[in-house]
Amino acid sequence: MATAMVIGAQWGDEGKGKIVDYLAAKADVVVRSQGGNNAGHTVVTGGKAYPLRLMPSGIMYPGTICIVGTGVVVDPKSLLEEMENLEKQGIDAKHLQISTRAQVVFPYHIRLDEAEESRKGSRKIGTTKNGIGPCYADKINRIGIRICDLMDEETFAEKLKYNVEQKNLLLEKLYGMEGFDYETMLNDYLGYAEKLRPYVKDTNYTVQQLVKEGKNVLFEGAQASMLDCDNGTYPYVTSSHPTAGGACIGAGIGPHMMQNIFGVVKAYSTRVGEGPFPTELHDETGEYLRNTAHEFGTVTGRPRRIGWLDTRAVRYAAALNSFDYLAITRLDILDGMEEIKVCTGYEYEGKEVEEYPADLKFLGKITPVYKTFKGWKEKISDIRDYNELPALCREYLEGISKLIGVPIGIVSVGPSREQTIVLKDVF
């Protein structure tokens, strides 16, 4: 059995797509286990960037089975548009499989997402307004519509009618917004169903069998550990579980099938949306990093918040996920820095804070403790051997590995597939 998992160790946007794309070269299967089209990965190869939203990053390899798993929420219109756009660029999506158990996103989810964010005002979460949270809410409320329901016209029509009636009442009475026409939505989604039907499979069975057969199976996480609905900075989190445990549930496998768990760590920190961010920079250094790295959301285009690397938060993520290795990304962005700070822990009123606080008010009061590393001031994007990295660069990498307590398995020195240094080859 050969499996690997790629998990974001911070607040998302760590460059997971690039790491998945690199590992997928030797994978037989790539499985996306949670999230929806609120997640954005960008794969760069051959000098060309391919922005992906719902599609697993392994889609770039025609011989690799790509699975949208049970824990994912699927907007059929968005997925079909993404497939068409890829095909226009010469990327065939016919090796895609979509779980019969995945939940379906509808226009009423999107409108409710927009309405609730607007209603919250200053208390807004900062969602992408793609209807992901309301879709997961329906799932937990046991009124959600699954892909298998969408494939059965009679079942689908009955369930959709109930939901449209309920959501129209909510939109009209609570939010003062216009509802939806049932017949129009029914016909639209039956059309999507026919286009997606060839790709729909019992992917739980597929994944379980392929793992048992000893195939190379790669599990791809969306978002990141600090956005986990239970263990992240709640309520400023996503609506699913972007952790290794969540991946088991969302892919339909048991925990003993999960090996070689990579925590993807950006060499500095970023965050999109609201919520506490202890190492956030509001100065010229933050602006320099944002502009040098082009830190703007793949899905939203929003400027990302920038901060120094927070190894205290990553240590927490490492414990949540049982990371086997770190994959350090965007290291080359630090090439021009005279010095680089790293948060090693937190203090409150002069005393060490040992745990990662759940209380966001308290988290907002803590003081980060920093260690300063000297910058290497050399271009590293053409280096392919770890030992050829500048000594000060290796000192930084080994320093953060020690602080987090997890060995480094991969180092990314640029956006393209080729700009990768591998210390641990899992397939």
Protein backbone atom coordinates (compact mmCIF):
# COMPACT_ATOMS: atom_id res chain seq x y z
CA MET A 1 0.00 0.00 0.00
CA ALA A 2 1.31 3.45 -0.96
CA THR A 3 -0.73 6.47 0.07
CA ALA A 4 0.09 10.12 0.71
CA MET A 5 -1.90 13.07 1.97
CA VAL A 6 -1.36 16.79 1.34
CA ILE A 7 -2.81 19.07 4.05
CA GLY A 8 -2.59 22.84 4.46
CA ALA A 9 -0.90 23.64 7.78
CA GLN A 10 -1.91 27.30 8.04
CA TRP A 11 -4.96 29.30 6.87
CA GLY A 12 -4.97 28.11 3.25
CA ASP A 13 -3.23 29.33 0.09
CA GLU A 14 -0.02 27.53 1.07
CA GLY A 15 0.60 26.19 -2.43
CA LYS A 16 -0.99 22.76 -1.93
CA GLY A 17 -1.92 22.57 -5.62
CA LYS A 18 1.71 22.67 -6.67
CA ILE A 19 2.70 19.96 -4.16
CA VAL A 20 -0.23 17.74 -5.21
CA ASP A 21 0.62 18.30 -8.86
CA TYR A 22 4.23 17.26 -8.24
CA LEU A 23 3.33 14.12 -6.27
CA ALA A 24 0.57 13.25 -8.75
CA ALA A 25 3.19 12.52 -11.42
CA LYS A 26 3.69 9.12 -9.75
CA ALA A 27 0.15 8.66 -8.40
CA ASP A 28 -2.43 6.32 -9.88
CA VAL A 29 -5.25 8.18 -8.14
CA VAL A 30 -5.78 11.70 -6.72
CA VAL A 31 -8.71 12.16 -4.33
CA ARG A 32 -10.25 15.50 -3.31
CA SER A 33 -12.01 14.91 0.02
CA GLN A 34 -13.75 18.13 1.16
CA GLY A 35 -14.64 21.72 0.33
CA GLY A 36 -16.18 23.03 -2.84
CA ASN A 37 -15.50 25.66 -5.47
CA ASN A 38 -14.59 28.04 -2.66
CA ALA A 39 -11.15 26.45 -2.79
CA GLY A 40 -8.60 27.55 -5.35
CA HIS A 41 -5.42 25.80 -6.46
CA THR A 42 -3.13 27.05 -9.17
CA VAL A 43 -0.89 24.58 -11.02
CA VAL A 44 1.97 26.03 -13.04
CA THR A 45 3.65 23.89 -15.68
CA GLY A 46 5.35 24.65 -18.96
CA GLY A 47 5.23 28.33 -18.11
CA LYS A 48 1.42 28.29 -18.03
CA ALA A 49 -0.86 28.68 -15.00
CA TYR A 50 -4.00 26.56 -14.62
CA PRO A 51 -6.38 27.83 -11.89
CA LEU A 52 -8.45 24.97 -10.46
CA ARG A 53 -11.45 25.19 -8.14
CA LEU A 54 -13.33 21.90 -7.77
CA MET A 55 -11.08 19.79 -9.96
CA PRO A 56 -8.39 17.69 -8.22
CA SER A 57 -4.91 18.92 -9.12
CA GLY A 58 -4.03 15.52 -10.61
CA ILE A 59 -6.30 16.33 -13.56
CA MET A 60 -3.19 17.55 -15.38
CA TYR A 61 -2.05 13.92 -15.79
CA PRO A 62 -4.25 12.03 -18.31
CA GLY A 63 -3.45 8.59 -16.87
CA THR A 64 -4.38 9.51 -13.30
CA ILE A 65 -7.85 8.77 -11.91
CA CYS A 66 -9.15 11.99 -10.32
CA ILE A 67 -11.88 11.71 -7.70
CA VAL A 68 -14.22 14.34 -6.30
CA GLY A 69 -14.98 12.52 -3.08
CA THR A 70 -17.89 12.02 -0.73
CA GLY A 71 -17.03 14.98 1.52
CA VAL A 72 -17.01 17.52 -1.32
CA VAL A 73 -19.94 19.83 -2.13
CA VAL A 74 -20.42 20.12 -5.90
CA ASP A 75 -21.82 23.06 -7.84
CA PRO A 76 -22.62 21.28 -11.13
CA LYS A 77 -22.68 24.44 -13.21
CA SER A 78 -19.30 25.57 -11.88
CA LEU A 79 -17.78 22.10 -12.34
CA LEU A 80 -18.98 21.81 -15.94
CA GLU A 81 -17.60 25.28 -16.72
CA GLU A 82 -14.26 24.31 -15.21
CA MET A 83 -14.16 21.10 -17.26
CA GLU A 84 -14.97 23.04 -20.46
CA ASN A 85 -12.29 25.64 -19.74
CA LEU A 86 -9.67 22.95 -19.17
CA GLU A 87 -10.64 21.17 -22.38
CA LYS A 88 -10.20 24.44 -24.29
CA GLN A 89 -6.63 24.49 -22.95
CA GLY A 90 -6.01 20.90 -24.06
CA ILE A 91 -6.60 19.25 -20.67
CA ASP A 92 -8.98 16.28 -20.95
CA ALA A 93 -11.19 15.74 -17.90
CA LYS A 94 -12.53 12.32 -18.90
CA HIS A 95 -10.55 10.57 -16.14
CA LEU A 96 -12.68 12.33 -13.50
CA GLN A 97 -14.97 10.49 -11.06
CA ILE A 98 -17.61 12.17 -8.87
CA SER A 99 -18.92 10.52 -5.71
CA THR A 100 -22.55 9.45 -5.61
CA ARG A 101 -22.55 10.64 -1.99
CA ALA A 102 -21.24 14.20 -2.59
CA GLN A 103 -23.71 16.98 -1.80
CA VAL A 104 -25.02 19.36 -4.49
CA VAL A 105 -24.82 23.17 -4.31
CA PHE A 106 -27.87 25.07 -5.59
CA PRO A 107 -28.51 28.76 -6.40
CA TYR A 108 -30.50 29.14 -3.19
CA HIS A 109 -27.38 28.19 -1.21
CA ILE A 110 -25.44 30.96 -2.94
CA ARG A 111 -28.15 33.56 -2.34
CA LEU A 112 -28.47 32.57 1.32
CA ASP A 113 -24.68 32.82 1.70
CA GLU A 114 -24.71 36.34 0.23
CA ALA A 115 -27.73 37.39 2.33
CA GLU A 116 -26.32 36.13 5.62
CA GLU A 117 -22.90 37.72 5.07
CA SER A 118 -24.60 41.03 4.29
CA ARG A 119 -26.87 40.72 7.33
CA LYS A 120 -23.94 40.10 9.69
CA GLY A 121 -22.28 43.40 8.77
CA SER A 122 -19.12 43.84 10.85
CA ARG A 123 -19.53 40.27 12.16
CA LYS A 124 -19.23 38.72 8.70
CA ILE A 125 -17.07 35.61 8.33
CA GLY A 126 -15.54 36.58 4.98
CA THR A 127 -16.89 33.65 2.94
CA THR A 128 -16.40 33.37 -0.82
CA LYS A 129 -20.23 33.56 -1.17
CA ASN A 130 -20.30 30.38 -3.26
CA GLY A 131 -22.99 28.76 -1.11
CA ILE A 132 -20.63 26.29 0.55
CA GLY A 133 -21.65 26.90 4.16
CA PRO A 134 -25.42 26.72 3.50
CA CYS A 135 -24.92 23.52 1.49
CA TYR A 136 -23.01 21.87 4.34
CA ALA A 137 -25.71 23.15 6.73
CA ASP A 138 -28.36 21.32 4.68
CA LYS A 139 -26.20 18.21 4.76
CA ILE A 140 -26.01 18.29 8.57
CA ASN A 141 -29.72 19.15 8.76
CA ARG A 142 -30.35 16.01 6.64
CA ILE A 143 -32.22 17.80 3.89
CA GLY A 144 -29.31 18.01 1.47
CA ILE A 145 -29.48 16.65 -2.06
CA ARG A 146 -26.71 14.26 -3.09
CA ILE A 147 -25.30 13.46 -6.50
CA CYS A 148 -27.08 10.08 -6.43
CA ASP A 149 -30.38 11.95 -5.90
CA LEU A 150 -29.58 14.22 -8.84
CA MET A 151 -29.14 11.11 -11.01
CA ASP A 152 -32.72 9.92 -10.24
CA GLU A 153 -35.28 12.31 -11.76
CA GLU A 154 -38.18 11.28 -9.54
CA THR A 155 -36.21 11.44 -6.28
CA PHE A 156 -34.54 14.68 -7.30
CA ALA A 157 -37.79 16.42 -8.25
CA GLU A 158 -39.36 15.53 -4.90
CA LYS A 159 -36.39 16.66 -2.80
CA LEU A 160 -35.80 19.82 -4.81
CA LYS A 161 -39.46 20.87 -4.48
CA TYR A 162 -39.28 20.65 -0.69
CA ASN A 163 -36.02 22.60 -0.57
CA VAL A 164 -37.07 25.35 -2.97
CA GLU A 165 -40.30 25.90 -1.03
CA GLN A 166 -38.42 26.05 2.27
CA LYS A 167 -35.63 28.29 1.00
CA ASN A 168 -38.05 30.66 -0.75
CA LEU A 169 -39.86 31.20 2.56
CA LEU A 170 -36.56 31.92 4.25
CA LEU A 171 -35.35 34.29 1.54
CA GLU A 172 -38.63 36.18 1.29
CA LYS A 173 -39.66 36.37 4.96
CA LEU A 174 -36.29 36.74 6.71
CA TYR A 175 -34.12 38.47 4.14
CA GLY A 176 -36.73 40.24 2.01
CA MET A 177 -35.22 38.74 -1.14
CA GLU A 178 -36.76 37.14 -4.20
CA GLY A 179 -37.05 33.35 -4.23
CA PHE A 180 -36.51 30.85 -7.05
CA ASP A 181 -38.72 29.20 -9.65
CA TYR A 182 -38.85 25.46 -9.02
CA GLU A 183 -39.47 24.36 -12.63
CA THR A 184 -36.58 26.44 -13.98
CA MET A 185 -34.16 25.05 -11.42
CA LEU A 186 -35.42 21.51 -11.97
CA ASN A 187 -34.85 21.68 -15.72
CA ASP A 188 -31.44 23.33 -15.36
CA TYR A 189 -30.20 20.69 -12.95
CA LEU A 190 -31.60 17.76 -14.90
CA GLY A 191 -29.54 19.09 -17.81
CA TYR A 192 -26.42 19.21 -15.62
CA ALA A 193 -27.20 15.68 -14.43
CA GLU A 194 -27.08 14.25 -17.95
CA LYS A 195 -23.72 15.90 -18.64
CA LEU A 196 -22.23 14.65 -15.37
CA ARG A 197 -23.77 11.15 -15.42
CA PRO A 198 -20.76 9.44 -17.14
CA TYR A 199 -18.48 10.61 -14.33
CA VAL A 200 -20.64 9.56 -11.35
CA LYS A 201 -19.32 6.52 -9.42
CA ASP A 202 -19.35 4.98 -5.96
CA THR A 203 -15.95 6.50 -5.25
CA ASN A 204 -15.79 5.11 -1.69
CA TYR A 205 -15.65 1.65 -3.24
CA THR A 206 -13.19 2.82 -5.91
CA VAL A 207 -10.73 4.29 -3.40
CA GLN A 208 -10.96 1.39 -0.97
CA GLN A 209 -10.28 -1.15 -3.73
CA LEU A 210 -7.39 0.80 -5.24
CA VAL A 211 -5.70 1.17 -1.84
CA LYS A 212 -6.09 -2.57 -1.23
CA GLU A 213 -4.56 -3.27 -4.63
CA GLY A 214 -1.46 -1.31 -3.63
CA LYS A 215 -1.99 1.56 -6.05
CA ASN A 216 -0.36 4.94 -5.39
CA VAL A 217 -3.23 6.99 -3.96
CA LEU A 218 -2.79 10.69 -3.22
CA PHE A 219 -5.30 12.56 -1.04
CA GLU A 220 -5.65 16.26 -1.74
CA GLY A 221 -6.85 18.65 0.95
CA ALA A 222 -8.52 21.98 0.27
CA GLN A 223 -8.35 25.02 2.60
CA ALA A 224 -6.20 24.28 5.68
CA SER A 225 -6.01 23.02 9.24
CA MET A 226 -6.49 26.39 10.94
CA LEU A 227 -9.79 26.71 9.08
CA ASP A 228 -11.13 23.40 10.40
CA CYS A 229 -14.73 23.81 11.58
CA ASP A 230 -14.04 22.21 14.98
CA ASN A 231 -10.36 22.86 15.64
CA GLY A 232 -9.64 26.10 13.78
CA THR A 233 -10.23 29.74 14.69
CA TYR A 234 -14.02 29.31 14.92
CA PRO A 235 -16.24 30.95 13.66
CA TYR A 236 -13.72 32.27 11.11
CA VAL A 237 -13.33 28.85 9.54
CA THR A 238 -14.56 26.85 6.59
CA SER A 239 -17.61 24.54 6.77
CA SER A 240 -15.74 21.24 6.55
CA HIS A 241 -12.76 19.42 8.05
CA PRO A 242 -9.57 20.13 6.06
CA THR A 243 -7.49 17.80 8.23
CA ALA A 244 -6.18 14.27 7.81
CA GLY A 245 -9.08 12.90 9.87
CA GLY A 246 -11.52 14.81 7.70
CA ALA A 247 -9.85 13.40 4.60
CA CYS A 248 -10.52 9.85 5.78
CA ILE A 249 -14.21 10.64 6.17
CA GLY A 250 -14.43 12.67 2.97
CA ALA A 251 -12.68 10.03 0.88
CA GLY A 252 -14.51 7.08 2.45
CA ILE A 253 -11.52 5.23 3.91
CA GLY A 254 -10.28 4.16 7.34
CA PRO A 255 -7.42 5.95 9.16
CA HIS A 256 -4.98 3.03 8.80
CA MET A 257 -5.05 3.59 5.04
CA MET A 258 -3.61 7.10 5.47
CA GLN A 259 0.19 7.31 5.32
CA ASN A 260 2.86 9.89 4.44
CA ILE A 261 0.95 12.96 5.60
CA PHE A 262 2.54 16.16 4.27
CA GLY A 263 1.81 19.45 6.01
CA VAL A 264 2.20 22.24 3.47
CA VAL A 265 3.72 25.33 5.08
CA LYS A 266 4.23 28.63 3.31
CA ALA A 267 7.59 30.16 4.33
CA TYR A 268 5.64 33.10 5.73
CA SER A 269 1.94 33.31 6.71
CA THR A 270 -1.16 34.53 4.88
CA ARG A 271 -4.86 34.62 5.62
CA VAL A 272 -7.96 35.56 3.62
CA GLY A 273 -11.08 36.89 5.29
CA GLU A 274 -11.75 37.74 8.91
CA GLY A 275 -10.36 36.23 12.11
CA PRO A 276 -7.33 36.48 14.40
CA PHE A 277 -3.87 36.47 12.86
CA PRO A 278 -1.21 36.89 15.59
CA THR A 279 1.80 37.55 13.31
CA GLU A 280 0.02 39.85 10.82
CA LEU A 281 2.15 42.64 9.33
CA HIS A 282 0.64 46.06 8.70
CA ASP A 283 3.83 47.67 7.46
CA GLU A 284 6.12 47.95 4.44
CA THR A 285 7.41 44.41 4.98
CA GLY A 286 3.88 43.05 4.65
CA GLU A 287 3.29 45.06 1.48
CA TYR A 288 6.62 43.91 0.07
CA LEU A 289 5.77 40.24 0.63
CA ARG A 290 2.22 40.65 -0.77
CA ASN A 291 3.40 42.38 -3.94
CA THR A 292 6.46 40.18 -4.48
CA ALA A 293 4.39 37.01 -4.09
CA HIS A 294 1.25 38.37 -5.81
CA GLU A 295 -0.80 37.33 -2.78
CA PHE A 296 -4.34 37.69 -4.06
CA GLY A 297 -7.05 35.02 -3.78
CA THR A 298 -7.35 32.46 -6.61
CA VAL A 299 -11.14 32.42 -6.31
CA THR A 300 -11.97 35.89 -4.93
CA GLY A 301 -9.09 38.10 -6.09
CA ARG A 302 -9.00 39.58 -2.58
CA PRO A 303 -5.62 40.76 -1.24
CA ARG A 304 -4.40 38.29 1.36
CA ARG A 305 -3.36 39.35 4.82
CA ILE A 306 0.38 38.82 5.35
CA GLY A 307 2.42 37.86 8.41
CA TRP A 308 5.57 36.14 9.57
CA LEU A 309 5.61 32.36 9.76
CA ASP A 310 3.81 31.22 12.93
CA THR A 311 5.41 27.94 13.97
CA ARG A 312 3.24 27.84 17.10
CA ALA A 313 0.14 27.56 14.91
CA VAL A 314 1.85 25.00 12.65
CA ARG A 315 2.87 22.90 15.68
CA TYR A 316 -0.80 22.83 16.60
CA ALA A 317 -1.71 21.77 13.05
CA ALA A 318 1.02 19.11 13.13
CA ALA A 319 -0.53 17.59 16.25
CA LEU A 320 -4.04 17.68 14.74
CA ASN A 321 -2.89 15.87 11.59
CA SER A 322 0.05 13.69 12.69
CA PHE A 323 2.24 15.22 9.99
CA ASP A 324 5.00 12.92 8.79
CA TYR A 325 6.75 15.58 6.71
CA LEU A 326 6.66 19.29 5.95
CA ALA A 327 6.45 20.68 2.43
CA ILE A 328 7.84 24.23 2.54
CA THR A 329 6.54 26.49 -0.23
CA ARG A 330 7.25 29.98 -1.59
CA LEU A 331 10.71 29.97 -0.03
CA ASP A 332 12.04 31.98 -2.98
CA ILE A 333 9.82 34.93 -2.00
CA LEU A 334 12.17 35.52 0.93
CA ASP A 335 15.25 35.81 -1.31
CA GLY A 336 15.40 39.61 -0.97
CA MET A 337 14.95 39.82 2.81
CA GLU A 338 17.72 41.17 5.04
CA GLU A 339 16.24 39.32 8.00
CA ILE A 340 13.32 36.96 8.51
CA LYS A 341 11.31 36.64 11.69
CA VAL A 342 9.59 33.46 12.86
CA CYS A 343 7.03 33.23 15.65
CA THR A 344 8.20 30.55 18.08
CA GLY A 345 5.40 30.85 20.66
CA TYR A 346 2.93 33.14 22.43
CA GLU A 347 2.98 35.11 25.68
CA TYR A 348 0.24 36.74 27.71
CA GLU A 349 1.18 39.22 30.44
CA GLY A 350 4.72 37.88 30.35
CA LYS A 351 3.76 34.21 30.73
CA GLU A 352 4.05 31.52 28.06
CA VAL A 353 0.80 30.33 26.49
CA GLU A 354 1.32 26.61 25.98
CA GLU A 355 -1.94 25.67 24.22
CA TYR A 356 -3.42 27.15 21.05
CA PRO A 357 -6.31 29.23 22.48
CA ALA A 358 -9.91 28.57 21.44
CA ASP A 359 -11.02 31.95 22.86
CA LEU A 360 -10.54 34.42 20.02
CA LYS A 361 -10.69 37.42 22.34
CA PHE A 362 -7.80 35.94 24.30
CA LEU A 363 -5.97 35.01 21.11
CA GLY A 364 -6.22 38.66 20.05
CA LYS A 365 -4.42 39.71 23.23
CA ILE A 366 -1.43 37.37 23.06
CA THR A 367 2.03 38.60 22.09
CA PRO A 368 4.01 36.57 19.54
CA VAL A 369 7.55 35.64 20.54
CA TYR A 370 9.95 35.93 17.59
CA LYS A 371 13.26 34.47 16.55
CA THR A 372 15.17 36.34 13.85
CA PHE A 373 17.03 34.57 11.04
CA LYS A 374 19.50 36.30 8.76
CA GLY A 375 18.37 36.43 5.11
CA TRP A 376 20.41 34.65 2.44
CA LYS A 377 20.05 37.39 -0.19
CA GLU A 378 20.57 34.96 -3.09
CA LYS A 379 18.32 33.69 -5.86
CA ILE A 380 17.35 30.07 -5.17
CA SER A 381 14.74 29.37 -7.87
CA ASP A 382 17.19 27.49 -10.12
CA ILE A 383 18.49 25.17 -7.36
CA ARG A 384 17.36 21.53 -7.42
CA ASP A 385 19.62 20.01 -4.75
CA TYR A 386 19.01 20.76 -1.07
CA ASN A 387 22.71 20.83 -0.27
CA GLU A 388 23.23 23.55 -2.88
CA LEU A 389 20.88 25.96 -1.14
CA PRO A 390 22.68 28.85 0.60
CA ALA A 391 23.83 27.98 4.12
CA LEU A 392 21.61 30.68 5.64
CA CYS A 393 18.62 29.29 3.71
CA ARG A 394 19.26 25.79 5.06
CA GLU A 395 19.63 27.28 8.53
CA TYR A 396 16.17 28.84 8.19
CA LEU A 397 14.61 25.59 6.94
CA GLU A 398 16.22 23.45 9.61
CA GLY A 399 15.32 26.03 12.25
CA ILE A 400 11.61 25.95 11.44
CA SER A 401 11.63 22.16 11.13
CA LYS A 402 13.06 21.92 14.64
CA LEU A 403 10.54 24.44 16.00
CA ILE A 404 7.62 22.54 14.47
CA GLY A 405 9.03 19.12 15.32
CA VAL A 406 8.49 17.58 11.88
CA PRO A 407 11.15 16.74 9.25
CA ILE A 408 11.13 18.45 5.86
CA GLY A 409 10.14 16.28 2.89
CA ILE A 410 9.75 18.82 0.07
CA VAL A 411 11.00 22.36 -0.58
CA SER A 412 9.46 24.51 -3.30
CA VAL A 413 11.69 27.23 -4.75
CA GLY A 414 9.30 28.56 -7.39
CA PRO A 415 5.78 28.18 -8.77
CA SER A 416 6.43 25.67 -11.55
CA ARG A 417 6.38 21.90 -11.23
CA GLU A 418 10.10 21.74 -11.99
CA GLN A 419 11.11 24.13 -9.19
CA THR A 420 10.94 21.47 -6.48
CA ILE A 421 13.53 19.90 -4.18
CA VAL A 422 12.49 16.49 -2.85
CA LEU A 423 14.01 15.11 0.32
CA LYS A 424 11.43 12.35 0.83
CA ASP A 425 10.11 10.42 -2.16
CA VAL A 426 6.92 8.59 -1.12
CA PHE A 427 5.89 6.94 -4.40
